Amino acid sequence: MAAKKTAKKSTDSLAAAPVPKKTAKVAAKAVARKAAATPAKPPLPRAGKTAASKVAAKPSPDAIARAAYLNYRRRVEQGLPGDTEGDWLAAERHFSGSGEL
């Protein structure tokens, strides 16, 4: 039992030691600098709005038509062969997720 009392006394003496004010200020500044240097984490996605649900949504016919028109303009400007049906199908493939134009 005597060993326990001496161990207790040694820990009490460490806990009761006063911390100099200068050391406390330096530690507080270091914590503040570390907090300022840590970048904020991006917010977590909501349960209803995941990337998979965005891909699964069917694009409107207007969106497909705009993409087909842009395909047509690029094809004509570059002098590539093709037709409007191919431009439309390429736009649909783009929206389906394959990303191929």
C-alpha atoms as a PDB file:
ATOM      1  CA  MET A   1       0.000   0.000   0.000  1.00  0.00           C
ATOM      2  CA  ALA A   2       2.845   2.343   0.631  1.00  0.00           C
ATOM      3  CA  ALA A   3       3.829   2.177  -3.044  1.00  0.00           C
ATOM      4  CA  LYS A   4       0.388   3.345  -4.117  1.00  0.00           C
ATOM      5  CA  LYS A   5       0.518   6.378  -1.857  1.00  0.00           C
ATOM      6  CA  THR A   6       3.907   7.459  -3.203  1.00  0.00           C
ATOM      7  CA  ALA A   7       2.727   7.022  -6.787  1.00  0.00           C
ATOM      8  CA  LYS A   8      -0.334   9.103  -6.030  1.00  0.00           C
ATOM      9  CA  LYS A   9       1.736  11.844  -4.476  1.00  0.00           C
ATOM     10  CA  SER A  10       4.024  12.027  -7.505  1.00  0.00           C
ATOM     11  CA  THR A  11       1.117  12.461  -9.951  1.00  0.00           C
ATOM     12  CA  ASP A  12      -0.535  15.045  -7.719  1.00  0.00           C
ATOM     13  CA  SER A  13       2.627  17.109  -7.653  1.00  0.00           C
ATOM     14  CA  LEU A  14       2.767  17.114 -11.475  1.00  0.00           C
ATOM     15  CA  ALA A  15      -0.872  18.122 -11.873  1.00  0.00           C
ATOM     16  CA  ALA A  16      -0.563  20.933  -9.380  1.00  0.00           C
ATOM     17  CA  ALA A  17       2.465  22.519 -11.077  1.00  0.00           C
ATOM     18  CA  PRO A  18       1.532  25.977 -12.386  1.00  0.00           C
ATOM     19  CA  VAL A  19       2.003  26.665 -16.086  1.00  0.00           C
ATOM     20  CA  PRO A  20       3.815  29.906 -16.834  1.00  0.00           C
ATOM     21  CA  LYS A  21       1.612  32.481 -18.618  1.00  0.00           C
ATOM     22  CA  LYS A  22       4.098  32.836 -21.462  1.00  0.00           C
ATOM     23  CA  THR A  23       3.993  29.098 -22.237  1.00  0.00           C
ATOM     24  CA  ALA A  24       0.186  29.109 -22.243  1.00  0.00           C
ATOM     25  CA  LYS A  25       0.101  32.030 -24.732  1.00  0.00           C
ATOM     26  CA  VAL A  26       2.581  30.319 -27.047  1.00  0.00           C
ATOM     27  CA  ALA A  27       0.546  27.103 -26.964  1.00  0.00           C
ATOM     28  CA  ALA A  28      -2.676  29.018 -27.684  1.00  0.00           C
ATOM     29  CA  LYS A  29      -1.087  30.741 -30.688  1.00  0.00           C
ATOM     30  CA  ALA A  30       0.187  27.410 -32.036  1.00  0.00           C
ATOM     31  CA  VAL A  31      -3.285  25.898 -31.788  1.00  0.00           C
ATOM     32  CA  ALA A  32      -4.795  28.940 -33.531  1.00  0.00           C
ATOM     33  CA  ARG A  33      -2.228  28.743 -36.371  1.00  0.00           C
ATOM     34  CA  LYS A  34      -2.877  25.034 -36.851  1.00  0.00           C
ATOM     35  CA  ALA A  35      -6.646  25.600 -36.955  1.00  0.00           C
ATOM     36  CA  ALA A  36      -6.231  28.402 -39.518  1.00  0.00           C
ATOM     37  CA  ALA A  37      -3.905  26.300 -41.689  1.00  0.00           C
ATOM     38  CA  THR A  38      -6.247  23.292 -41.739  1.00  0.00           C
ATOM     39  CA  PRO A  39      -8.491  23.503 -44.827  1.00  0.00           C
ATOM     40  CA  ALA A  40     -12.222  23.166 -44.300  1.00  0.00           C
ATOM     41  CA  LYS A  41     -13.676  19.817 -45.291  1.00  0.00           C
ATOM     42  CA  PRO A  42     -16.170  19.900 -48.160  1.00  0.00           C
ATOM     43  CA  PRO A  43     -19.760  19.209 -47.141  1.00  0.00           C
ATOM     44  CA  LEU A  44     -20.974  15.654 -47.441  1.00  0.00           C
ATOM     45  CA  PRO A  45     -23.445  14.976 -50.249  1.00  0.00           C
ATOM     46  CA  ARG A  46     -27.079  14.753 -49.253  1.00  0.00           C
ATOM     47  CA  ALA A  47     -28.754  11.379 -49.320  1.00  0.00           C
ATOM     48  CA  GLY A  48     -31.200  12.348 -52.077  1.00  0.00           C
ATOM     49  CA  LYS A  49     -28.686  13.992 -54.416  1.00  0.00           C
ATOM     50  CA  THR A  50     -25.993  11.510 -55.330  1.00  0.00           C
ATOM     51  CA  ALA A  51     -23.937  11.387 -58.502  1.00  0.00           C
ATOM     52  CA  ALA A  52     -25.662   8.159 -59.531  1.00  0.00           C
ATOM     53  CA  SER A  53     -29.101   9.757 -59.418  1.00  0.00           C
ATOM     54  CA  LYS A  54     -27.921  12.622 -61.636  1.00  0.00           C
ATOM     55  CA  VAL A  55     -26.659  10.198 -64.294  1.00  0.00           C
ATOM     56  CA  ALA A  56     -29.866   8.158 -64.185  1.00  0.00           C
ATOM     57  CA  ALA A  57     -32.043  11.208 -64.980  1.00  0.00           C
ATOM     58  CA  LYS A  58     -33.225  11.317 -68.583  1.00  0.00           C
ATOM     59  CA  PRO A  59     -32.195  14.508 -70.418  1.00  0.00           C
ATOM     60  CA  SER A  60     -34.858  16.650 -72.010  1.00  0.00           C
ATOM     61  CA  PRO A  61     -35.301  16.575 -75.802  1.00  0.00           C
ATOM     62  CA  ASP A  62     -34.226  20.230 -75.887  1.00  0.00           C
ATOM     63  CA  ALA A  63     -30.915  19.376 -74.212  1.00  0.00           C
ATOM     64  CA  ILE A  64     -30.299  16.575 -76.702  1.00  0.00           C
ATOM     65  CA  ALA A  65     -31.221  18.908 -79.583  1.00  0.00           C
ATOM     66  CA  ARG A  66     -28.726  21.560 -78.384  1.00  0.00           C
ATOM     67  CA  ALA A  67     -25.979  18.955 -78.060  1.00  0.00           C
ATOM     68  CA  ALA A  68     -26.815  17.578 -81.531  1.00  0.00           C
ATOM     69  CA  TYR A  69     -26.621  21.097 -82.973  1.00  0.00           C
ATOM     70  CA  LEU A  70     -23.212  21.629 -81.365  1.00  0.00           C
ATOM     71  CA  ASN A  71     -22.073  18.281 -82.788  1.00  0.00           C
ATOM     72  CA  TYR A  72     -23.299  19.404 -86.221  1.00  0.00           C
ATOM     73  CA  ARG A  73     -21.477  22.764 -85.970  1.00  0.00           C
ATOM     74  CA  ARG A  74     -18.216  21.109 -84.903  1.00  0.00           C
ATOM     75  CA  ARG A  75     -18.514  18.533 -87.688  1.00  0.00           C
ATOM     76  CA  VAL A  76     -19.140  21.178 -90.371  1.00  0.00           C
ATOM     77  CA  GLU A  77     -16.348  23.484 -89.136  1.00  0.00           C
ATOM     78  CA  GLN A  78     -13.863  20.621 -89.180  1.00  0.00           C
ATOM     79  CA  GLY A  79     -15.064  19.371 -92.558  1.00  0.00           C
ATOM     80  CA  LEU A  80     -15.922  15.901 -91.269  1.00  0.00           C
ATOM     81  CA  PRO A  81     -18.426  13.659 -93.068  1.00  0.00           C
ATOM     82  CA  GLY A  82     -21.711  12.771 -91.397  1.00  0.00           C
ATOM     83  CA  ASP A  83     -25.395  13.555 -91.151  1.00  0.00           C
ATOM     84  CA  THR A  84     -27.881  15.032 -88.691  1.00  0.00           C
ATOM     85  CA  GLU A  85     -29.016  11.611 -87.506  1.00  0.00           C
ATOM     86  CA  GLY A  86     -25.454  10.755 -86.507  1.00  0.00           C
ATOM     87  CA  ASP A  87     -25.176  14.081 -84.662  1.00  0.00           C
ATOM     88  CA  TRP A  88     -28.362  13.292 -82.737  1.00  0.00           C
ATOM     89  CA  LEU A  89     -27.228   9.767 -81.844  1.00  0.00           C
ATOM     90  CA  ALA A  90     -23.854  11.086 -80.688  1.00  0.00           C
ATOM     91  CA  ALA A  91     -25.653  13.601 -78.435  1.00  0.00           C
ATOM     92  CA  GLU A  92     -27.784  10.814 -76.940  1.00  0.00           C
ATOM     93  CA  ARG A  93     -24.668   8.704 -76.328  1.00  0.00           C
ATOM     94  CA  HIS A  94     -23.085  11.682 -74.584  1.00  0.00           C
ATOM     95  CA  PHE A  95     -26.034  12.009 -72.213  1.00  0.00           C
ATOM     96  CA  SER A  96     -26.309   8.278 -71.590  1.00  0.00           C
ATOM     97  CA  GLY A  97     -22.985   8.341 -69.766  1.00  0.00           C
ATOM     98  CA  SER A  98     -20.597   6.806 -72.267  1.00  0.00           C
ATOM     99  CA  GLY A  99     -19.185  10.281 -72.937  1.00  0.00           C
ATOM    100  CA  GLU A 100     -18.355   9.360 -76.508  1.00  0.00           C
ATOM    101  CA  LEU A 101     -19.151  12.008 -79.100  1.00  0.00           C
END
